[in-house]
């Protein structure tokens, strides 16, 4: 069974960035971005804000809080 794509991955692709381009823009390795997208690593609040600003959305649209996930 295929896992659902993350909001971060969907938004990045919708803005036509590949992982290499976007990871360079936010100042992390491609491997780190991949971990963010797969939910294996949570970016700091500052990094979440930076990513959201570059994608033009609220950080909560990309990185829901635990309350939003369980609701």
PDB file of N, CA and C in Angstrom:
ATOM      1  N   UNK A   1       0.832  -1.170   0.000  1.00  0.00           N
ATOM      2  CA  UNK A   1       0.000   0.000   0.000  1.00  0.00           C
ATOM      3  C   UNK A   1       0.887   1.247   0.000  1.00  0.00           C
ATOM      4  N   UNK A   2       0.522   2.205  -0.832  1.00  0.00           N
ATOM      5  CA  UNK A   2       1.333   3.414  -0.985  1.00  0.00           C
ATOM      6  C   UNK A   2       0.962   4.444   0.067  1.00  0.00           C
ATOM      7  N   UNK A   3       1.981   5.066   0.665  1.00  0.00           N
ATOM      8  CA  UNK A   3       1.761   6.085   1.680  1.00  0.00           C
ATOM      9  C   UNK A   3       1.345   7.393   1.017  1.00  0.00           C
ATOM     10  N   UNK A   4       0.451   8.117   1.669  1.00  0.00           N
ATOM     11  CA  UNK A   4      -0.017   9.402   1.166  1.00  0.00           C
ATOM     12  C   UNK A   4       1.120  10.425   1.192  1.00  0.00           C
ATOM     13  N   UNK A   5       1.185  11.279   0.159  1.00  0.00           N
ATOM     14  CA  UNK A   5       2.201  12.326   0.094  1.00  0.00           C
ATOM     15  C   UNK A   5       1.969  13.354   1.184  1.00  0.00           C
ATOM     16  N   UNK A   6       3.049  13.946   1.656  1.00  0.00           N
ATOM     17  CA  UNK A   6       2.949  14.958   2.709  1.00  0.00           C
ATOM     18  C   UNK A   6       2.544  16.303   2.112  1.00  0.00           C
ATOM     19  N   UNK A   7       1.934  17.163   2.935  1.00  0.00           N
ATOM     20  CA  UNK A   7       1.612  18.513   2.460  1.00  0.00           C
ATOM     21  C   UNK A   7       2.859  19.257   1.967  1.00  0.00           C
ATOM     22  N   UNK A   8       3.986  19.066   2.643  1.00  0.00           N
ATOM     23  CA  UNK A   8       5.218  19.723   2.225  1.00  0.00           C
ATOM     24  C   UNK A   8       5.611  19.280   0.822  1.00  0.00           C
ATOM     25  N   UNK A   9       5.589  17.996   0.573  1.00  0.00           N
ATOM     26  CA  UNK A   9       5.957  17.477  -0.745  1.00  0.00           C
ATOM     27  C   UNK A   9       4.984  17.985  -1.813  1.00  0.00           C
ATOM     28  N   UNK A  10       3.704  17.938  -1.508  1.00  0.00           N
ATOM     29  CA  UNK A  10       2.699  18.389  -2.473  1.00  0.00           C
ATOM     30  C   UNK A  10       2.872  19.864  -2.824  1.00  0.00           C
ATOM     31  N   UNK A  11       3.083  20.697  -1.819  1.00  0.00           N
ATOM     32  CA  UNK A  11       3.261  22.131  -2.064  1.00  0.00           C
ATOM     33  C   UNK A  11       4.561  22.417  -2.814  1.00  0.00           C
ATOM     34  N   UNK A  12       5.620  21.716  -2.436  1.00  0.00           N
ATOM     35  CA  UNK A  12       6.904  21.897  -3.130  1.00  0.00           C
ATOM     36  C   UNK A  12       6.755  21.564  -4.606  1.00  0.00           C
ATOM     37  N   UNK A  13       6.129  20.444  -4.895  1.00  0.00           N
ATOM     38  CA  UNK A  13       5.945  20.033  -6.292  1.00  0.00           C
ATOM     39  C   UNK A  13       5.006  20.980  -7.030  1.00  0.00           C
ATOM     40  N   UNK A  14       3.969  21.465  -6.354  1.00  0.00           N
ATOM     41  CA  UNK A  14       3.036  22.408  -6.984  1.00  0.00           C
ATOM     42  C   UNK A  14       3.732  23.706  -7.371  1.00  0.00           C
ATOM     43  N   UNK A  15       4.772  24.063  -6.628  1.00  0.00           N
ATOM     44  CA  UNK A  15       5.557  25.278  -6.928  1.00  0.00           C
ATOM     45  C   UNK A  15       6.701  24.962  -7.889  1.00  0.00           C
ATOM     46  N   UNK A  16       6.718  23.743  -8.403  1.00  0.00           N
ATOM     47  CA  UNK A  16       7.693  23.231  -9.383  1.00  0.00           C
ATOM     48  C   UNK A  16       9.148  23.244  -8.916  1.00  0.00           C
ATOM     49  N   UNK A  17       9.349  23.058  -7.617  1.00  0.00           N
ATOM     50  CA  UNK A  17      10.699  22.880  -7.086  1.00  0.00           C
ATOM     51  C   UNK A  17      10.992  21.389  -6.995  1.00  0.00           C
ATOM     52  N   UNK A  18      12.202  20.992  -7.375  1.00  0.00           N
ATOM     53  CA  UNK A  18      12.603  19.626  -7.053  1.00  0.00           C
ATOM     54  C   UNK A  18      13.283  19.659  -5.688  1.00  0.00           C
ATOM     55  N   UNK A  19      13.594  18.483  -5.150  1.00  0.00           N
ATOM     56  CA  UNK A  19      14.185  18.439  -3.809  1.00  0.00           C
ATOM     57  C   UNK A  19      15.519  19.175  -3.752  1.00  0.00           C
ATOM     58  N   UNK A  20      16.339  19.039  -4.760  1.00  0.00           N
ATOM     59  CA  UNK A  20      17.647  19.690  -4.753  1.00  0.00           C
ATOM     60  C   UNK A  20      17.506  21.208  -4.712  1.00  0.00           C
ATOM     61  N   UNK A  21      16.611  21.748  -5.525  1.00  0.00           N
ATOM     62  CA  UNK A  21      16.393  23.202  -5.556  1.00  0.00           C
ATOM     63  C   UNK A  21      15.865  23.708  -4.220  1.00  0.00           C
ATOM     64  N   UNK A  22      14.841  23.041  -3.705  1.00  0.00           N
ATOM     65  CA  UNK A  22      14.196  23.533  -2.494  1.00  0.00           C
ATOM     66  C   UNK A  22      15.095  23.372  -1.273  1.00  0.00           C
ATOM     67  N   UNK A  23      15.819  22.280  -1.195  1.00  0.00           N
ATOM     68  CA  UNK A  23      16.718  22.094  -0.050  1.00  0.00           C
ATOM     69  C   UNK A  23      17.790  23.180  -0.035  1.00  0.00           C
ATOM     70  N   UNK A  24      18.268  23.578  -1.208  1.00  0.00           N
ATOM     71  CA  UNK A  24      19.260  24.653  -1.289  1.00  0.00           C
ATOM     72  C   UNK A  24      18.643  25.977  -0.835  1.00  0.00           C
ATOM     73  N   UNK A  25      17.401  26.241  -1.241  1.00  0.00           N
ATOM     74  CA  UNK A  25      16.715  27.476  -0.846  1.00  0.00           C
ATOM     75  C   UNK A  25      16.555  27.597   0.668  1.00  0.00           C
ATOM     76  N   UNK A  26      16.265  26.477   1.323  1.00  0.00           N
ATOM     77  CA  UNK A  26      16.032  26.533   2.772  1.00  0.00           C
ATOM     78  C   UNK A  26      17.289  26.256   3.587  1.00  0.00           C
ATOM     79  N   UNK A  27      18.366  25.887   2.905  1.00  0.00           N
ATOM     80  CA  UNK A  27      19.644  25.725   3.585  1.00  0.00           C
ATOM     81  C   UNK A  27      19.834  24.420   4.329  1.00  0.00           C
ATOM     82  N   UNK A  28      19.254  23.341   3.790  1.00  0.00           N
ATOM     83  CA  UNK A  28      19.460  22.014   4.381  1.00  0.00           C
ATOM     84  C   UNK A  28      19.872  21.054   3.275  1.00  0.00           C
ATOM     85  N   UNK A  29      20.336  19.885   3.664  1.00  0.00           N
ATOM     86  CA  UNK A  29      20.689  18.879   2.665  1.00  0.00           C
ATOM     87  C   UNK A  29      19.415  18.285   2.063  1.00  0.00           C
ATOM     88  N   UNK A  30      19.581  17.686   0.916  1.00  0.00           N
ATOM     89  CA  UNK A  30      18.458  17.013   0.259  1.00  0.00           C
ATOM     90  C   UNK A  30      17.939  15.873   1.138  1.00  0.00           C
ATOM     91  N   UNK A  31      18.834  15.206   1.839  1.00  0.00           N
ATOM     92  CA  UNK A  31      18.432  14.117   2.728  1.00  0.00           C
ATOM     93  C   UNK A  31      17.562  14.637   3.874  1.00  0.00           C
ATOM     94  N   UNK A  32      17.920  15.810   4.413  1.00  0.00           N
ATOM     95  CA  UNK A  32      17.130  16.390   5.498  1.00  0.00           C
ATOM     96  C   UNK A  32      15.746  16.771   4.992  1.00  0.00           C
ATOM     97  N   UNK A  33      15.663  17.385   3.828  1.00  0.00           N
ATOM     98  CA  UNK A  33      14.353  17.724   3.255  1.00  0.00           C
ATOM     99  C   UNK A  33      13.520  16.467   3.059  1.00  0.00           C
ATOM    100  N   UNK A  34      14.124  15.414   2.580  1.00  0.00           N
ATOM    101  CA  UNK A  34      13.408  14.159   2.389  1.00  0.00           C
ATOM    102  C   UNK A  34      12.840  13.645   3.717  1.00  0.00           C
ATOM    103  N   UNK A  35      13.612  13.767   4.781  1.00  0.00           N
ATOM    104  CA  UNK A  35      13.137  13.340   6.104  1.00  0.00           C
ATOM    105  C   UNK A  35      11.989  14.212   6.582  1.00  0.00           C
ATOM    106  N   UNK A  36      12.047  15.521   6.296  1.00  0.00           N
ATOM    107  CA  UNK A  36      10.923  16.406   6.630  1.00  0.00           C
ATOM    108  C   UNK A  36       9.671  15.925   5.898  1.00  0.00           C
ATOM    109  N   UNK A  37       9.821  15.632   4.611  1.00  0.00           N
ATOM    110  CA  UNK A  37       8.677  15.237   3.791  1.00  0.00           C
ATOM    111  C   UNK A  37       8.092  13.893   4.205  1.00  0.00           C
ATOM    112  N   UNK A  38       8.921  13.005   4.693  1.00  0.00           N
ATOM    113  CA  UNK A  38       8.443  11.680   5.114  1.00  0.00           C
ATOM    114  C   UNK A  38       8.014  11.630   6.578  1.00  0.00           C
ATOM    115  N   UNK A  39       8.169  12.745   7.285  1.00  0.00           N
ATOM    116  CA  UNK A  39       7.775  12.790   8.687  1.00  0.00           C
ATOM    117  C   UNK A  39       8.762  12.117   9.620  1.00  0.00           C
ATOM    118  N   UNK A  40       9.973  11.870   9.153  1.00  0.00           N
ATOM    119  CA  UNK A  40      10.988  11.242   9.985  1.00  0.00           C
ATOM    120  C   UNK A  40      11.747  12.252  10.820  1.00  0.00           C
ATOM    121  N   UNK A  41      11.618  13.533  10.480  1.00  0.00           N
ATOM    122  CA  UNK A  41      12.301  14.605  11.180  1.00  0.00           C
ATOM    123  C   UNK A  41      11.392  15.825  11.142  1.00  0.00           C
ATOM    124  N   UNK A  42      11.255  16.484  12.289  1.00  0.00           N
ATOM    125  CA  UNK A  42      10.428  17.690  12.359  1.00  0.00           C
ATOM    126  C   UNK A  42      11.337  18.908  12.374  1.00  0.00           C
ATOM    127  N   UNK A  43      11.116  19.832  11.441  1.00  0.00           N
ATOM    128  CA  UNK A  43      11.943  21.033  11.425  1.00  0.00           C
ATOM    129  C   UNK A  43      11.665  21.915  12.633  1.00  0.00           C
ATOM    130  N   UNK A  44      12.638  22.720  13.003  1.00  0.00           N
ATOM    131  CA  UNK A  44      12.456  23.666  14.101  1.00  0.00           C
ATOM    132  C   UNK A  44      11.352  24.654  13.722  1.00  0.00           C
ATOM    133  N   UNK A  45      10.758  25.331  14.716  1.00  0.00           N
ATOM    134  CA  UNK A  45       9.742  26.339  14.398  1.00  0.00           C
ATOM    135  C   UNK A  45      10.248  27.415  13.436  1.00  0.00           C
ATOM    136  N   UNK A  46      11.505  27.827  13.574  1.00  0.00           N
ATOM    137  CA  UNK A  46      12.068  28.814  12.651  1.00  0.00           C
ATOM    138  C   UNK A  46      12.142  28.265  11.224  1.00  0.00           C
ATOM    139  N   UNK A  47      12.561  27.014  11.089  1.00  0.00           N
ATOM    140  CA  UNK A  47      12.641  26.398   9.762  1.00  0.00           C
ATOM    141  C   UNK A  47      11.240  26.198   9.189  1.00  0.00           C
ATOM    142  N   UNK A  48      10.285  25.828  10.028  1.00  0.00           N
ATOM    143  CA  UNK A  48       8.906  25.690   9.558  1.00  0.00           C
ATOM    144  C   UNK A  48       8.404  27.010   8.995  1.00  0.00           C
ATOM    145  N   UNK A  49       8.689  28.107   9.685  1.00  0.00           N
ATOM    146  CA  UNK A  49       8.262  29.436   9.227  1.00  0.00           C
ATOM    147  C   UNK A  49       8.944  29.794   7.908  1.00  0.00           C
ATOM    148  N   UNK A  50      10.207  29.463   7.777  1.00  0.00           N
ATOM    149  CA  UNK A  50      10.947  29.754   6.544  1.00  0.00           C
ATOM    150  C   UNK A  50      10.368  28.978   5.361  1.00  0.00           C
ATOM    151  N   UNK A  51      10.114  27.693   5.573  1.00  0.00           N
ATOM    152  CA  UNK A  51       9.542  26.844   4.528  1.00  0.00           C
ATOM    153  C   UNK A  51       8.166  27.371   4.126  1.00  0.00           C
ATOM    154  N   UNK A  52       7.337  27.675   5.106  1.00  0.00           N
ATOM    155  CA  UNK A  52       5.990  28.177   4.831  1.00  0.00           C
ATOM    156  C   UNK A  52       6.033  29.485   4.053  1.00  0.00           C
ATOM    157  N   UNK A  53       6.934  30.376   4.434  1.00  0.00           N
ATOM    158  CA  UNK A  53       7.050  31.666   3.740  1.00  0.00           C
ATOM    159  C   UNK A  53       7.444  31.456   2.280  1.00  0.00           C
ATOM    160  N   UNK A  54       8.387  30.564   2.019  1.00  0.00           N
ATOM    161  CA  UNK A  54       8.812  30.301   0.644  1.00  0.00           C
ATOM    162  C   UNK A  54       7.702  29.671  -0.195  1.00  0.00           C
ATOM    163  N   UNK A  55       6.834  28.902   0.462  1.00  0.00           N
ATOM    164  CA  UNK A  55       5.741  28.249  -0.258  1.00  0.00           C
ATOM    165  C   UNK A  55       4.460  29.080  -0.253  1.00  0.00           C
ATOM    166  N   UNK A  56       4.461  30.184   0.512  1.00  0.00           N
ATOM    167  CA  UNK A  56       3.314  31.084   0.515  1.00  0.00           C
ATOM    168  C   UNK A  56       2.093  30.573   1.251  1.00  0.00           C
ATOM    169  N   UNK A  57       2.323  29.806   2.314  1.00  0.00           N
ATOM    170  CA  UNK A  57       1.215  29.264   3.109  1.00  0.00           C
ATOM    171  C   UNK A  57       1.539  29.407   4.597  1.00  0.00           C
ATOM    172  N   UNK A  58       0.563  29.126   5.431  1.00  0.00           N
ATOM    173  CA  UNK A  58       0.762  29.088   6.872  1.00  0.00           C
ATOM    174  C   UNK A  58       1.563  27.840   7.230  1.00  0.00           C
ATOM    175  N   UNK A  59       2.426  27.953   8.226  1.00  0.00           N
ATOM    176  CA  UNK A  59       3.208  26.759   8.608  1.00  0.00           C
ATOM    177  C   UNK A  59       2.314  25.644   9.126  1.00  0.00           C
ATOM    178  N   UNK A  60       1.127  25.986   9.643  1.00  0.00           N
ATOM    179  CA  UNK A  60       0.217  24.959  10.147  1.00  0.00           C
ATOM    180  C   UNK A  60      -0.445  24.165   9.020  1.00  0.00           C
ATOM    181  N   UNK A  61      -0.423  24.705   7.801  1.00  0.00           N
ATOM    182  CA  UNK A  61      -0.926  23.955   6.655  1.00  0.00           C
ATOM    183  C   UNK A  61       0.047  22.846   6.260  1.00  0.00           C
ATOM    184  N   UNK A  62       1.308  23.062   6.561  1.00  0.00           N
ATOM    185  CA  UNK A  62       2.346  22.090   6.196  1.00  0.00           C
ATOM    186  C   UNK A  62       2.673  21.160   7.357  1.00  0.00           C
ATOM    187  N   UNK A  63       2.767  21.735   8.554  1.00  0.00           N
ATOM    188  CA  UNK A  63       3.174  20.999   9.740  1.00  0.00           C
ATOM    189  C   UNK A  63       2.075  21.089  10.796  1.00  0.00           C
ATOM    190  N   UNK A  64       1.038  20.259  10.701  1.00  0.00           N
ATOM    191  CA  UNK A  64      -0.047  20.341  11.678  1.00  0.00           C
ATOM    192  C   UNK A  64       0.422  19.988  13.078  1.00  0.00           C
ATOM    193  N   UNK A  65      -0.169  20.643  14.052  1.00  0.00           N
ATOM    194  CA  UNK A  65       0.151  20.330  15.452  1.00  0.00           C
ATOM    195  C   UNK A  65      -0.472  19.001  15.819  1.00  0.00           C
ATOM    196  N   UNK A  66      -0.066  18.435  16.929  1.00  0.00           N
ATOM    197  CA  UNK A  66      -0.609  17.144  17.353  1.00  0.00           C
ATOM    198  C   UNK A  66      -2.107  17.236  17.602  1.00  0.00           C
ATOM    199  N   UNK A  67      -2.608  18.400  18.045  1.00  0.00           N
ATOM    200  CA  UNK A  67      -4.048  18.558  18.268  1.00  0.00           C
ATOM    201  C   UNK A  67      -4.792  18.498  16.937  1.00  0.00           C
ATOM    202  N   UNK A  68      -4.223  19.103  15.882  1.00  0.00           N
ATOM    203  CA  UNK A  68      -4.870  19.094  14.579  1.00  0.00           C
ATOM    204  C   UNK A  68      -4.869  17.706  13.967  1.00  0.00           C
ATOM    205  N   UNK A  69      -3.825  16.931  14.211  1.00  0.00           N
ATOM    206  CA  UNK A  69      -3.723  15.590  13.670  1.00  0.00           C
ATOM    207  C   UNK A  69      -4.753  14.672  14.313  1.00  0.00           C
ATOM    208  N   UNK A  70      -4.955  14.803  15.624  1.00  0.00           N
ATOM    209  CA  UNK A  70      -5.862  13.898  16.326  1.00  0.00           C
ATOM    210  C   UNK A  70      -7.327  14.318  16.195  1.00  0.00           C
ATOM    211  N   UNK A  71      -7.579  15.507  15.718  1.00  0.00           N
ATOM    212  CA  UNK A  71      -8.968  15.996  15.602  1.00  0.00           C
ATOM    213  C   UNK A  71      -9.706  15.330  14.472  1.00  0.00           C
TER     214      UNK A  71
END
